[in-house]
């Protein structure tokens, strides 16, 4: 679809540099309704896994669609949480739709393409390149009312997504982490800079569904 098509997501169209063309596999209805971007470390700690198991199921049950990047780690866990609780999820990838990165997520990508939604701004045949993934992050942030950072080191792609969300005047939420965990430095510093600390599911729901509760 192109940026002038009616199906093109309005929230993404409003961003600074929306992609002119989006390629997709799956159900475009997943683009309607509330969206929550979930990003974080590719090597999450056991604490991050426990936090996601505590926070995300109730969010999914509120019909909030989880948007992430199909990367290993937190991205994969977010998509799996949506599947496990019969919710909705969108994967925004940094390759063409005929490629999968990482290759180990091929089965997950196939499941999402058949029953959820996979999106890319890259044409068929495009392999992954280093600069594709920061570019992909602006779509993840642009689709979503709020971005949840589960775990992130000081210099990580997750913080790029959070900064893009801030620039687009979207909510940034962060899970507080241990002071001695390098993967929590980024999330703790986000909170210090004004991101909302997330201590329970309701803290997420009240941000994502604020318009529906007025």
N, C-alpha and C. Protein backbone atom coordinates (compact mmCIF):
# COMPACT_ATOMS: atom_id res chain seq x y z
N UNK A 1 0.85 -1.19 0.00
CA UNK A 1 0.00 0.00 0.00
C UNK A 1 0.89 1.24 0.00
N UNK A 2 0.32 2.36 -0.48
CA UNK A 2 1.08 3.60 -0.54
C UNK A 2 0.50 4.60 0.45
N UNK A 3 1.24 5.66 0.66
CA UNK A 3 0.88 6.65 1.67
C UNK A 3 -0.45 7.36 1.35
N UNK A 4 -0.90 7.28 0.11
CA UNK A 4 -2.17 7.94 -0.26
C UNK A 4 -3.35 6.99 -0.17
N UNK A 5 -3.10 5.71 0.13
CA UNK A 5 -4.20 4.75 0.24
C UNK A 5 -4.95 4.93 1.56
N UNK A 6 -6.25 4.66 1.51
CA UNK A 6 -7.08 4.80 2.71
C UNK A 6 -6.64 3.85 3.81
N UNK A 7 -6.08 2.70 3.45
CA UNK A 7 -5.69 1.72 4.46
C UNK A 7 -4.39 2.09 5.17
N UNK A 8 -3.66 3.07 4.65
CA UNK A 8 -2.39 3.45 5.26
C UNK A 8 -2.66 4.00 6.66
N UNK A 9 -1.95 3.51 7.68
CA UNK A 9 -2.25 3.92 9.07
C UNK A 9 -2.04 5.41 9.30
N UNK A 10 -3.07 6.07 9.81
CA UNK A 10 -3.04 7.52 9.98
C UNK A 10 -1.95 7.96 10.94
N UNK A 11 -1.76 7.21 12.01
CA UNK A 11 -0.74 7.60 12.98
C UNK A 11 0.65 7.62 12.36
N UNK A 12 0.91 6.67 11.47
CA UNK A 12 2.20 6.63 10.79
C UNK A 12 2.31 7.76 9.77
N UNK A 13 1.22 8.04 9.08
CA UNK A 13 1.23 9.11 8.08
C UNK A 13 1.56 10.46 8.72
N UNK A 14 1.21 10.63 9.98
CA UNK A 14 1.43 11.91 10.66
C UNK A 14 2.88 12.11 11.10
N UNK A 15 3.72 11.09 10.98
CA UNK A 15 5.09 11.20 11.49
C UNK A 15 5.98 11.98 10.52
N UNK A 16 7.19 12.28 10.99
CA UNK A 16 8.10 13.14 10.24
C UNK A 16 8.51 12.55 8.90
N UNK A 17 8.84 11.28 8.87
CA UNK A 17 9.34 10.66 7.63
C UNK A 17 8.65 9.33 7.39
N UNK A 18 7.35 9.35 7.12
CA UNK A 18 6.65 8.07 6.91
C UNK A 18 7.10 7.43 5.60
N UNK A 19 7.15 6.09 5.57
CA UNK A 19 7.50 5.42 4.32
C UNK A 19 6.42 5.66 3.26
N UNK A 20 6.85 5.88 2.04
CA UNK A 20 5.90 6.14 0.95
C UNK A 20 5.15 4.86 0.57
N UNK A 21 5.84 3.73 0.68
CA UNK A 21 5.25 2.44 0.34
C UNK A 21 5.47 1.47 1.49
N UNK A 22 4.46 0.70 1.80
CA UNK A 22 4.57 -0.39 2.77
C UNK A 22 4.17 -1.70 2.09
N UNK A 23 4.97 -2.72 2.28
CA UNK A 23 4.65 -4.06 1.82
C UNK A 23 4.14 -4.85 3.02
N UNK A 24 3.18 -5.72 2.80
CA UNK A 24 2.62 -6.43 3.96
C UNK A 24 2.15 -7.83 3.60
N UNK A 25 2.11 -8.66 4.62
CA UNK A 25 1.48 -9.97 4.57
C UNK A 25 0.59 -10.07 5.80
N UNK A 26 -0.68 -10.44 5.60
CA UNK A 26 -1.57 -10.59 6.75
C UNK A 26 -2.79 -9.71 6.65
N UNK A 27 -3.34 -9.40 7.79
CA UNK A 27 -4.64 -8.73 7.91
C UNK A 27 -4.46 -7.26 8.28
N UNK A 28 -4.83 -6.37 7.36
CA UNK A 28 -4.67 -4.93 7.60
C UNK A 28 -5.59 -4.41 8.70
N UNK A 29 -6.59 -5.17 9.09
CA UNK A 29 -7.46 -4.73 10.19
C UNK A 29 -6.68 -4.60 11.49
N UNK A 30 -5.53 -5.28 11.57
CA UNK A 30 -4.70 -5.18 12.76
C UNK A 30 -4.16 -3.77 12.97
N UNK A 31 -4.23 -2.94 11.91
CA UNK A 31 -3.74 -1.56 12.02
C UNK A 31 -4.73 -0.64 12.70
N UNK A 32 -5.96 -1.09 12.86
CA UNK A 32 -6.96 -0.28 13.54
C UNK A 32 -6.97 -0.63 15.02
N UNK A 33 -7.39 0.31 15.85
CA UNK A 33 -7.43 0.06 17.28
C UNK A 33 -6.13 0.44 17.95
N UNK A 34 -6.07 0.28 19.27
CA UNK A 34 -4.90 0.72 20.04
C UNK A 34 -3.67 -0.14 19.78
N UNK A 35 -2.51 0.50 19.69
CA UNK A 35 -1.25 -0.19 19.43
C UNK A 35 -0.25 0.15 20.53
N UNK A 36 0.50 -0.84 20.97
CA UNK A 36 1.59 -0.65 21.92
C UNK A 36 2.87 -1.22 21.32
N UNK A 37 3.88 -0.38 21.11
CA UNK A 37 5.18 -0.88 20.70
C UNK A 37 5.89 -1.46 21.90
N UNK A 38 6.48 -2.62 21.72
CA UNK A 38 7.24 -3.28 22.80
C UNK A 38 8.65 -3.55 22.26
N UNK A 39 9.65 -2.95 22.89
CA UNK A 39 11.02 -3.09 22.43
C UNK A 39 11.93 -3.37 23.62
N UNK A 40 13.13 -3.86 23.33
CA UNK A 40 14.05 -4.16 24.42
C UNK A 40 15.24 -4.97 23.95
N UNK A 41 15.96 -5.48 24.89
CA UNK A 41 17.22 -6.16 24.64
C UNK A 41 17.04 -7.43 23.79
N UNK A 42 18.03 -7.69 22.95
CA UNK A 42 18.05 -8.95 22.21
C UNK A 42 18.56 -10.10 23.08
N UNK A 43 19.11 -9.77 24.22
CA UNK A 43 19.55 -10.79 25.17
C UNK A 43 18.97 -10.45 26.54
N UNK A 44 17.65 -10.60 26.67
CA UNK A 44 16.99 -10.17 27.91
C UNK A 44 17.37 -11.05 29.09
N UNK A 45 17.36 -10.46 30.24
CA UNK A 45 17.65 -11.18 31.48
C UNK A 45 16.41 -11.96 31.92
N UNK A 46 16.55 -12.90 32.85
CA UNK A 46 15.38 -13.57 33.42
C UNK A 46 14.39 -12.57 34.02
N UNK A 47 14.90 -11.47 34.56
CA UNK A 47 14.01 -10.43 35.11
C UNK A 47 13.11 -9.85 34.01
N UNK A 48 13.66 -9.58 32.83
CA UNK A 48 12.86 -9.04 31.73
C UNK A 48 11.76 -10.01 31.34
N UNK A 49 12.09 -11.29 31.30
CA UNK A 49 11.09 -12.31 30.97
C UNK A 49 9.99 -12.32 32.02
N UNK A 50 10.36 -12.26 33.30
CA UNK A 50 9.34 -12.25 34.36
C UNK A 50 8.48 -10.99 34.26
N UNK A 51 9.10 -9.86 33.95
CA UNK A 51 8.35 -8.61 33.85
C UNK A 51 7.33 -8.68 32.72
N UNK A 52 7.73 -9.23 31.58
CA UNK A 52 6.80 -9.33 30.45
C UNK A 52 5.66 -10.28 30.76
N UNK A 53 5.96 -11.38 31.44
CA UNK A 53 4.90 -12.32 31.82
C UNK A 53 3.92 -11.68 32.81
N UNK A 54 4.40 -10.76 33.60
CA UNK A 54 3.54 -10.10 34.58
C UNK A 54 2.73 -8.98 33.93
N UNK A 55 3.33 -8.26 32.99
CA UNK A 55 2.72 -7.04 32.47
C UNK A 55 1.84 -7.24 31.24
N UNK A 56 2.26 -8.10 30.31
CA UNK A 56 1.63 -8.09 28.99
C UNK A 56 0.31 -8.85 28.86
N UNK A 57 0.08 -9.96 29.57
CA UNK A 57 -1.17 -10.69 29.35
C UNK A 57 -2.42 -9.84 29.52
N UNK A 58 -2.49 -9.05 30.56
CA UNK A 58 -3.69 -8.23 30.78
C UNK A 58 -3.82 -7.15 29.71
N UNK A 59 -2.69 -6.62 29.24
CA UNK A 59 -2.73 -5.64 28.16
C UNK A 59 -3.30 -6.27 26.89
N UNK A 60 -2.85 -7.47 26.57
CA UNK A 60 -3.34 -8.18 25.39
C UNK A 60 -4.84 -8.45 25.51
N UNK A 61 -5.28 -8.79 26.70
CA UNK A 61 -6.71 -9.08 26.90
C UNK A 61 -7.58 -7.84 26.71
N UNK A 62 -6.99 -6.67 26.78
CA UNK A 62 -7.73 -5.43 26.53
C UNK A 62 -7.77 -5.08 25.04
N UNK A 63 -7.41 -6.04 24.19
CA UNK A 63 -7.43 -5.87 22.74
C UNK A 63 -6.44 -4.82 22.25
N UNK A 64 -5.35 -4.66 22.99
CA UNK A 64 -4.25 -3.81 22.56
C UNK A 64 -3.32 -4.65 21.67
N UNK A 65 -3.02 -4.15 20.48
CA UNK A 65 -2.15 -4.86 19.56
C UNK A 65 -0.69 -4.58 19.91
N UNK A 66 0.13 -5.61 20.02
CA UNK A 66 1.54 -5.45 20.34
C UNK A 66 2.34 -5.35 19.05
N UNK A 67 3.10 -4.27 18.92
CA UNK A 67 3.91 -4.01 17.73
C UNK A 67 5.37 -4.16 18.10
N UNK A 68 6.11 -4.96 17.33
CA UNK A 68 7.53 -5.12 17.62
C UNK A 68 8.26 -5.48 16.33
N UNK A 69 9.56 -5.82 16.44
CA UNK A 69 10.40 -5.93 15.27
C UNK A 69 10.86 -7.31 14.88
N UNK A 70 10.32 -8.36 15.50
CA UNK A 70 10.64 -9.75 15.17
C UNK A 70 12.10 -10.11 15.44
N UNK A 71 12.83 -9.25 16.13
CA UNK A 71 14.21 -9.59 16.49
C UNK A 71 14.19 -10.62 17.61
N UNK A 72 15.35 -11.22 17.87
CA UNK A 72 15.42 -12.15 19.00
C UNK A 72 15.30 -11.36 20.30
N UNK A 73 14.96 -12.05 21.36
CA UNK A 73 14.87 -11.39 22.65
C UNK A 73 13.50 -10.82 22.93
N UNK A 74 13.45 -9.59 23.39
CA UNK A 74 12.19 -8.96 23.83
C UNK A 74 11.17 -8.91 22.69
N UNK A 75 11.62 -8.61 21.46
CA UNK A 75 10.68 -8.57 20.34
C UNK A 75 9.95 -9.90 20.19
N UNK A 76 10.72 -10.97 20.16
CA UNK A 76 10.13 -12.30 20.01
C UNK A 76 9.17 -12.60 21.15
N UNK A 77 9.57 -12.28 22.37
CA UNK A 77 8.72 -12.53 23.53
C UNK A 77 7.42 -11.75 23.45
N UNK A 78 7.46 -10.53 22.92
CA UNK A 78 6.24 -9.73 22.79
C UNK A 78 5.28 -10.37 21.80
N UNK A 79 5.79 -10.79 20.64
CA UNK A 79 4.91 -11.46 19.67
C UNK A 79 4.34 -12.74 20.26
N UNK A 80 5.17 -13.49 20.95
CA UNK A 80 4.70 -14.75 21.55
C UNK A 80 3.66 -14.51 22.63
N UNK A 81 3.79 -13.43 23.38
CA UNK A 81 2.79 -13.11 24.41
C UNK A 81 1.44 -12.85 23.77
N UNK A 82 1.43 -12.13 22.65
CA UNK A 82 0.17 -11.88 21.96
C UNK A 82 -0.46 -13.18 21.47
N UNK A 83 0.35 -14.06 20.91
CA UNK A 83 -0.17 -15.33 20.42
C UNK A 83 -0.69 -16.18 21.58
N UNK A 84 0.06 -16.23 22.67
CA UNK A 84 -0.30 -17.08 23.79
C UNK A 84 -1.62 -16.67 24.41
N UNK A 85 -1.94 -15.39 24.36
CA UNK A 85 -3.16 -14.89 25.01
C UNK A 85 -4.21 -14.45 23.99
N UNK A 86 -4.08 -15.00 22.78
CA UNK A 86 -5.08 -14.83 21.73
C UNK A 86 -5.33 -13.35 21.42
N UNK A 87 -4.26 -12.61 21.38
CA UNK A 87 -4.35 -11.19 21.07
C UNK A 87 -3.88 -10.90 19.65
N UNK A 88 -3.55 -9.64 19.42
CA UNK A 88 -3.12 -9.19 18.10
C UNK A 88 -1.66 -8.75 18.17
N UNK A 89 -0.95 -8.94 17.06
CA UNK A 89 0.43 -8.47 17.03
C UNK A 89 0.84 -8.14 15.60
N UNK A 90 1.71 -7.15 15.48
CA UNK A 90 2.25 -6.71 14.19
C UNK A 90 3.78 -6.77 14.28
N UNK A 91 4.40 -7.36 13.28
CA UNK A 91 5.86 -7.37 13.19
C UNK A 91 6.28 -6.41 12.09
N UNK A 92 7.18 -5.50 12.41
CA UNK A 92 7.78 -4.60 11.42
C UNK A 92 9.21 -5.06 11.22
N UNK A 93 9.54 -5.48 10.00
CA UNK A 93 10.83 -6.13 9.78
C UNK A 93 11.76 -5.24 8.94
N UNK A 94 13.05 -5.55 9.00
CA UNK A 94 14.06 -4.76 8.30
C UNK A 94 14.58 -5.41 7.05
N UNK A 95 13.81 -6.33 6.48
CA UNK A 95 14.16 -7.00 5.22
C UNK A 95 12.92 -7.01 4.34
N UNK A 96 13.07 -7.54 3.13
CA UNK A 96 11.88 -7.81 2.32
C UNK A 96 11.06 -8.92 2.96
N UNK A 97 9.83 -9.05 2.53
CA UNK A 97 8.92 -10.02 3.16
C UNK A 97 9.28 -11.47 2.81
N UNK A 98 10.17 -11.67 1.86
CA UNK A 98 10.61 -13.03 1.53
C UNK A 98 11.87 -13.42 2.28
N UNK A 99 12.32 -12.59 3.20
CA UNK A 99 13.46 -12.90 4.06
C UNK A 99 13.02 -12.83 5.52
N UNK A 100 13.77 -13.50 6.36
CA UNK A 100 13.49 -13.45 7.80
C UNK A 100 14.80 -13.29 8.55
N UNK A 101 14.83 -12.29 9.43
CA UNK A 101 16.00 -12.10 10.28
C UNK A 101 15.54 -11.86 11.71
N UNK A 102 16.01 -12.69 12.65
CA UNK A 102 16.91 -13.83 12.46
C UNK A 102 16.20 -15.02 11.82
N UNK A 103 16.98 -15.88 11.18
CA UNK A 103 16.41 -17.03 10.48
C UNK A 103 15.65 -17.94 11.43
N UNK A 104 16.04 -17.96 12.69
CA UNK A 104 15.38 -18.82 13.67
C UNK A 104 13.94 -18.42 13.95
N UNK A 105 13.54 -17.23 13.51
CA UNK A 105 12.15 -16.79 13.71
C UNK A 105 11.28 -17.02 12.49
N UNK A 106 11.75 -17.85 11.55
CA UNK A 106 10.98 -18.10 10.34
C UNK A 106 9.59 -18.64 10.64
N UNK A 107 9.48 -19.61 11.55
CA UNK A 107 8.16 -20.17 11.88
C UNK A 107 7.26 -19.11 12.50
N UNK A 108 7.83 -18.28 13.36
CA UNK A 108 7.04 -17.21 13.98
C UNK A 108 6.57 -16.22 12.93
N UNK A 109 7.44 -15.84 12.02
CA UNK A 109 7.06 -14.91 10.96
C UNK A 109 5.95 -15.50 10.10
N UNK A 110 6.04 -16.78 9.78
CA UNK A 110 5.00 -17.43 8.99
C UNK A 110 3.66 -17.40 9.70
N UNK A 111 3.69 -17.66 11.00
CA UNK A 111 2.46 -17.60 11.80
C UNK A 111 1.86 -16.20 11.77
N UNK A 112 2.69 -15.19 11.92
CA UNK A 112 2.19 -13.81 11.93
C UNK A 112 1.66 -13.41 10.55
N UNK A 113 2.34 -13.85 9.50
CA UNK A 113 1.89 -13.51 8.15
C UNK A 113 0.54 -14.13 7.82
N UNK A 114 0.27 -15.30 8.38
CA UNK A 114 -0.99 -15.98 8.09
C UNK A 114 -2.14 -15.49 8.97
N UNK A 115 -1.85 -15.12 10.20
CA UNK A 115 -2.93 -14.84 11.15
C UNK A 115 -2.86 -13.46 11.79
N UNK A 116 -1.79 -12.72 11.56
CA UNK A 116 -1.66 -11.38 12.15
C UNK A 116 -1.20 -10.43 11.05
N UNK A 117 -0.06 -9.76 11.20
CA UNK A 117 0.37 -8.82 10.18
C UNK A 117 1.88 -8.63 10.25
N UNK A 118 2.53 -8.70 9.09
CA UNK A 118 3.96 -8.41 8.96
C UNK A 118 4.11 -7.28 7.95
N UNK A 119 4.89 -6.26 8.31
CA UNK A 119 5.04 -5.05 7.50
C UNK A 119 6.51 -4.79 7.24
N UNK A 120 6.81 -4.26 6.05
CA UNK A 120 8.16 -3.81 5.73
C UNK A 120 8.08 -2.67 4.73
N UNK A 121 9.05 -1.76 4.78
CA UNK A 121 9.15 -0.74 3.74
C UNK A 121 10.10 -1.17 2.64
N UNK A 122 10.64 -2.39 2.76
CA UNK A 122 11.62 -2.87 1.79
C UNK A 122 10.98 -3.87 0.84
N UNK A 123 11.31 -3.76 -0.43
CA UNK A 123 10.69 -4.60 -1.45
C UNK A 123 11.18 -6.04 -1.34
N UNK A 124 10.45 -6.93 -1.99
CA UNK A 124 10.82 -8.34 -2.01
C UNK A 124 12.23 -8.50 -2.55
N UNK A 125 12.99 -9.39 -1.95
CA UNK A 125 14.35 -9.64 -2.36
C UNK A 125 15.38 -8.85 -1.58
N UNK A 126 14.94 -7.91 -0.72
CA UNK A 126 15.88 -7.08 0.04
C UNK A 126 16.36 -7.83 1.27
N UNK A 127 17.66 -8.01 1.38
CA UNK A 127 18.22 -8.65 2.56
C UNK A 127 18.48 -7.61 3.63
N UNK A 128 18.78 -8.07 4.83
CA UNK A 128 18.99 -7.16 5.94
C UNK A 128 20.30 -6.39 5.80
N UNK A 129 20.28 -5.13 6.15
CA UNK A 129 21.47 -4.29 6.22
C UNK A 129 21.44 -3.55 7.55
N UNK A 130 22.60 -3.17 8.04
CA UNK A 130 22.68 -2.57 9.37
C UNK A 130 21.77 -1.34 9.51
N UNK A 131 21.71 -0.50 8.47
CA UNK A 131 20.92 0.73 8.59
C UNK A 131 19.42 0.48 8.48
N UNK A 132 19.02 -0.70 8.02
CA UNK A 132 17.60 -0.98 7.90
C UNK A 132 16.91 -1.00 9.26
N UNK A 133 17.61 -1.45 10.29
CA UNK A 133 16.93 -1.69 11.56
C UNK A 133 16.62 -0.40 12.32
N UNK A 134 17.53 0.58 12.35
CA UNK A 134 17.10 1.89 12.89
C UNK A 134 15.97 2.51 12.06
N UNK A 135 16.00 2.33 10.74
CA UNK A 135 14.92 2.86 9.90
C UNK A 135 13.60 2.17 10.23
N UNK A 136 13.67 0.87 10.44
CA UNK A 136 12.47 0.12 10.84
C UNK A 136 11.89 0.62 12.15
N UNK A 137 12.77 1.06 13.06
CA UNK A 137 12.32 1.49 14.38
C UNK A 137 11.36 2.68 14.31
N UNK A 138 11.54 3.55 13.31
CA UNK A 138 10.65 4.71 13.22
C UNK A 138 9.23 4.28 12.85
N UNK A 139 9.10 3.14 12.15
CA UNK A 139 7.77 2.63 11.82
C UNK A 139 7.12 2.02 13.05
N UNK A 140 7.91 1.27 13.82
CA UNK A 140 7.39 0.69 15.06
C UNK A 140 6.85 1.79 15.96
N UNK A 141 7.66 2.84 16.17
CA UNK A 141 7.22 3.95 17.03
C UNK A 141 6.06 4.71 16.40
N UNK A 142 6.08 4.87 15.08
CA UNK A 142 5.05 5.66 14.41
C UNK A 142 3.69 5.01 14.40
N UNK A 143 3.64 3.69 14.43
CA UNK A 143 2.36 2.98 14.43
C UNK A 143 1.65 3.05 15.78
N UNK A 144 2.38 3.37 16.83
CA UNK A 144 1.91 3.12 18.19
C UNK A 144 1.67 4.40 18.98
N UNK A 145 0.62 4.37 19.80
CA UNK A 145 0.38 5.50 20.71
C UNK A 145 1.44 5.58 21.78
N UNK A 146 1.94 4.42 22.20
CA UNK A 146 2.91 4.34 23.28
C UNK A 146 3.98 3.32 22.95
N UNK A 147 5.18 3.56 23.45
CA UNK A 147 6.29 2.61 23.29
C UNK A 147 6.75 2.17 24.67
N UNK A 148 6.75 0.86 24.89
CA UNK A 148 7.21 0.27 26.14
C UNK A 148 8.61 -0.29 25.94
N UNK A 149 9.58 0.22 26.72
CA UNK A 149 10.94 -0.30 26.69
C UNK A 149 11.10 -1.22 27.90
N UNK A 150 11.34 -2.49 27.64
CA UNK A 150 11.39 -3.48 28.71
C UNK A 150 12.78 -3.52 29.34
N UNK A 151 13.80 -3.54 28.51
CA UNK A 151 15.17 -3.63 29.01
C UNK A 151 16.08 -3.11 27.90
N UNK A 152 17.02 -2.23 28.25
CA UNK A 152 17.88 -1.65 27.22
C UNK A 152 19.18 -1.17 27.82
N UNK A 153 20.27 -1.47 27.15
CA UNK A 153 21.56 -0.93 27.54
C UNK A 153 21.64 0.55 27.16
N UNK A 154 22.71 1.21 27.56
CA UNK A 154 22.82 2.65 27.36
C UNK A 154 22.79 3.01 25.87
N UNK A 155 23.46 2.26 25.03
CA UNK A 155 23.50 2.54 23.59
C UNK A 155 22.86 1.36 22.87
N UNK A 156 21.56 1.42 22.69
CA UNK A 156 20.85 0.30 22.09
C UNK A 156 19.82 0.80 21.10
N UNK A 157 19.42 -0.11 20.20
CA UNK A 157 18.38 0.22 19.24
C UNK A 157 17.06 0.55 19.89
N UNK A 158 16.79 -0.03 21.04
CA UNK A 158 15.54 0.25 21.75
C UNK A 158 15.45 1.72 22.14
N UNK A 159 16.58 2.29 22.51
CA UNK A 159 16.58 3.71 22.87
C UNK A 159 16.37 4.59 21.64
N UNK A 160 16.84 4.12 20.48
CA UNK A 160 16.54 4.84 19.24
C UNK A 160 15.03 4.91 19.03
N UNK A 161 14.36 3.78 19.22
CA UNK A 161 12.90 3.74 19.08
C UNK A 161 12.23 4.67 20.08
N UNK A 162 12.69 4.64 21.32
CA UNK A 162 12.12 5.51 22.35
C UNK A 162 12.31 6.98 22.00
N UNK A 163 13.48 7.34 21.52
CA UNK A 163 13.74 8.73 21.15
C UNK A 163 12.88 9.18 19.97
N UNK A 164 12.68 8.29 19.01
CA UNK A 164 11.79 8.61 17.89
C UNK A 164 10.37 8.83 18.40
N UNK A 165 9.92 7.97 19.31
CA UNK A 165 8.59 8.13 19.88
C UNK A 165 8.45 9.48 20.57
N UNK A 166 9.46 9.87 21.32
CA UNK A 166 9.43 11.18 21.99
C UNK A 166 9.34 12.31 20.97
N UNK A 167 10.11 12.21 19.89
CA UNK A 167 10.09 13.24 18.86
C UNK A 167 8.73 13.34 18.19
N UNK A 168 8.01 12.23 18.14
CA UNK A 168 6.68 12.21 17.52
C UNK A 168 5.58 12.48 18.54
N UNK A 169 5.98 12.91 19.73
CA UNK A 169 5.02 13.25 20.79
C UNK A 169 4.16 12.06 21.19
N UNK A 170 4.79 10.89 21.25
CA UNK A 170 4.11 9.68 21.72
C UNK A 170 4.58 9.37 23.15
N UNK A 171 3.81 8.55 23.83
CA UNK A 171 4.16 8.17 25.20
C UNK A 171 5.34 7.20 25.20
N UNK A 172 6.25 7.39 26.12
CA UNK A 172 7.34 6.43 26.32
C UNK A 172 7.23 5.87 27.73
N UNK A 173 7.17 4.55 27.82
CA UNK A 173 7.01 3.83 29.07
C UNK A 173 8.25 2.96 29.27
N UNK A 174 8.67 2.77 30.50
CA UNK A 174 9.88 1.98 30.74
C UNK A 174 9.72 1.14 32.00
N UNK A 175 10.21 -0.09 31.92
CA UNK A 175 10.20 -0.99 33.07
C UNK A 175 11.46 -0.71 33.90
N UNK A 176 11.33 -0.32 35.16
CA UNK A 176 12.53 -0.09 35.98
C UNK A 176 13.33 -1.38 36.12
N UNK A 177 14.65 -1.22 36.22
CA UNK A 177 15.49 -2.40 36.34
C UNK A 177 16.50 -2.27 37.45
N UNK A 178 17.22 -3.33 37.66
CA UNK A 178 18.24 -3.38 38.70
C UNK A 178 19.37 -2.40 38.40
N UNK A 179 19.89 -1.77 39.43
CA UNK A 179 20.96 -0.80 39.27
C UNK A 179 22.26 -1.43 38.78
N UNK A 180 22.44 -2.72 39.02
CA UNK A 180 23.70 -3.36 38.62
C UNK A 180 23.57 -4.18 37.34
N UNK A 181 22.48 -4.03 36.62
CA UNK A 181 22.29 -4.75 35.36
C UNK A 181 22.55 -3.79 34.20
N UNK A 182 23.59 -4.03 33.39
CA UNK A 182 23.87 -3.13 32.26
C UNK A 182 22.69 -2.96 31.32
N UNK A 183 21.84 -3.99 31.21
CA UNK A 183 20.68 -3.90 30.33
C UNK A 183 19.56 -3.03 30.90
N UNK A 184 19.70 -2.58 32.13
CA UNK A 184 18.70 -1.70 32.72
C UNK A 184 19.14 -0.24 32.74
N UNK A 185 20.37 0.03 32.34
CA UNK A 185 20.85 1.41 32.35
C UNK A 185 19.97 2.29 31.46
N UNK A 186 19.66 1.81 30.27
CA UNK A 186 18.86 2.61 29.35
C UNK A 186 17.46 2.88 29.86
N UNK A 187 16.78 1.87 30.38
CA UNK A 187 15.42 2.07 30.88
C UNK A 187 15.41 2.97 32.10
N UNK A 188 16.36 2.78 33.01
CA UNK A 188 16.40 3.63 34.20
C UNK A 188 16.69 5.08 33.83
N UNK A 189 17.54 5.30 32.83
CA UNK A 189 17.82 6.66 32.40
C UNK A 189 16.63 7.28 31.67
N UNK A 190 15.86 6.46 30.96
CA UNK A 190 14.63 6.97 30.35
C UNK A 190 13.67 7.48 31.42
N UNK A 191 13.54 6.72 32.51
CA UNK A 191 12.67 7.13 33.60
C UNK A 191 13.18 8.43 34.22
N UNK A 192 14.49 8.51 34.41
CA UNK A 192 15.09 9.73 34.95
C UNK A 192 14.78 10.94 34.06
N UNK A 193 14.71 10.70 32.74
CA UNK A 193 14.46 11.78 31.79
C UNK A 193 12.98 12.09 31.61
N UNK A 194 12.10 11.31 32.27
CA UNK A 194 10.68 11.63 32.23
C UNK A 194 9.77 10.55 31.68
N UNK A 195 10.32 9.41 31.25
CA UNK A 195 9.46 8.31 30.81
C UNK A 195 8.65 7.79 31.99
N UNK A 196 7.48 7.24 31.70
CA UNK A 196 6.62 6.73 32.77
C UNK A 196 7.13 5.38 33.25
N UNK A 197 7.41 5.24 34.55
CA UNK A 197 7.80 3.92 35.08
C UNK A 197 6.60 2.98 35.13
N UNK A 198 6.78 1.78 34.66
CA UNK A 198 5.70 0.81 34.60
C UNK A 198 5.88 -0.23 35.70
N UNK A 199 4.94 -0.25 36.62
CA UNK A 199 5.00 -1.18 37.75
C UNK A 199 3.93 -2.26 37.68
N UNK A 200 2.91 -2.05 36.86
CA UNK A 200 1.86 -3.06 36.69
C UNK A 200 1.16 -2.84 35.35
N UNK A 201 0.31 -3.77 34.98
CA UNK A 201 -0.38 -3.72 33.69
C UNK A 201 -1.24 -2.48 33.54
N UNK A 202 -1.87 -2.06 34.63
CA UNK A 202 -2.77 -0.92 34.56
C UNK A 202 -2.03 0.35 34.15
N UNK A 203 -0.78 0.46 34.53
CA UNK A 203 0.00 1.64 34.14
C UNK A 203 0.14 1.72 32.62
N UNK A 204 0.22 0.58 31.96
CA UNK A 204 0.27 0.56 30.49
C UNK A 204 -1.11 0.85 29.91
N UNK A 205 -2.11 0.17 30.43
CA UNK A 205 -3.45 0.26 29.88
C UNK A 205 -3.98 1.69 29.95
N UNK A 206 -3.72 2.37 31.05
CA UNK A 206 -4.24 3.73 31.20
C UNK A 206 -3.59 4.71 30.22
N UNK A 207 -2.40 4.39 29.73
CA UNK A 207 -1.76 5.23 28.71
C UNK A 207 -2.28 4.91 27.32
N UNK A 208 -2.37 3.63 26.99
CA UNK A 208 -2.74 3.23 25.65
C UNK A 208 -4.22 3.46 25.39
N UNK A 209 -5.04 3.26 26.40
CA UNK A 209 -6.49 3.36 26.23
C UNK A 209 -7.06 4.64 26.82
N UNK A 210 -6.23 5.65 27.02
CA UNK A 210 -6.69 6.88 27.68
C UNK A 210 -7.86 7.51 26.95
N UNK A 211 -7.84 7.54 25.60
CA UNK A 211 -8.93 8.15 24.85
C UNK A 211 -10.23 7.38 24.99
N UNK A 212 -10.12 6.07 25.18
CA UNK A 212 -11.33 5.25 25.30
C UNK A 212 -11.93 5.30 26.69
N UNK A 213 -11.20 5.88 27.65
CA UNK A 213 -11.69 5.91 29.02
C UNK A 213 -12.20 7.28 29.42
N UNK A 214 -12.14 8.23 28.51
CA UNK A 214 -12.64 9.57 28.80
C UNK A 214 -14.16 9.60 28.74
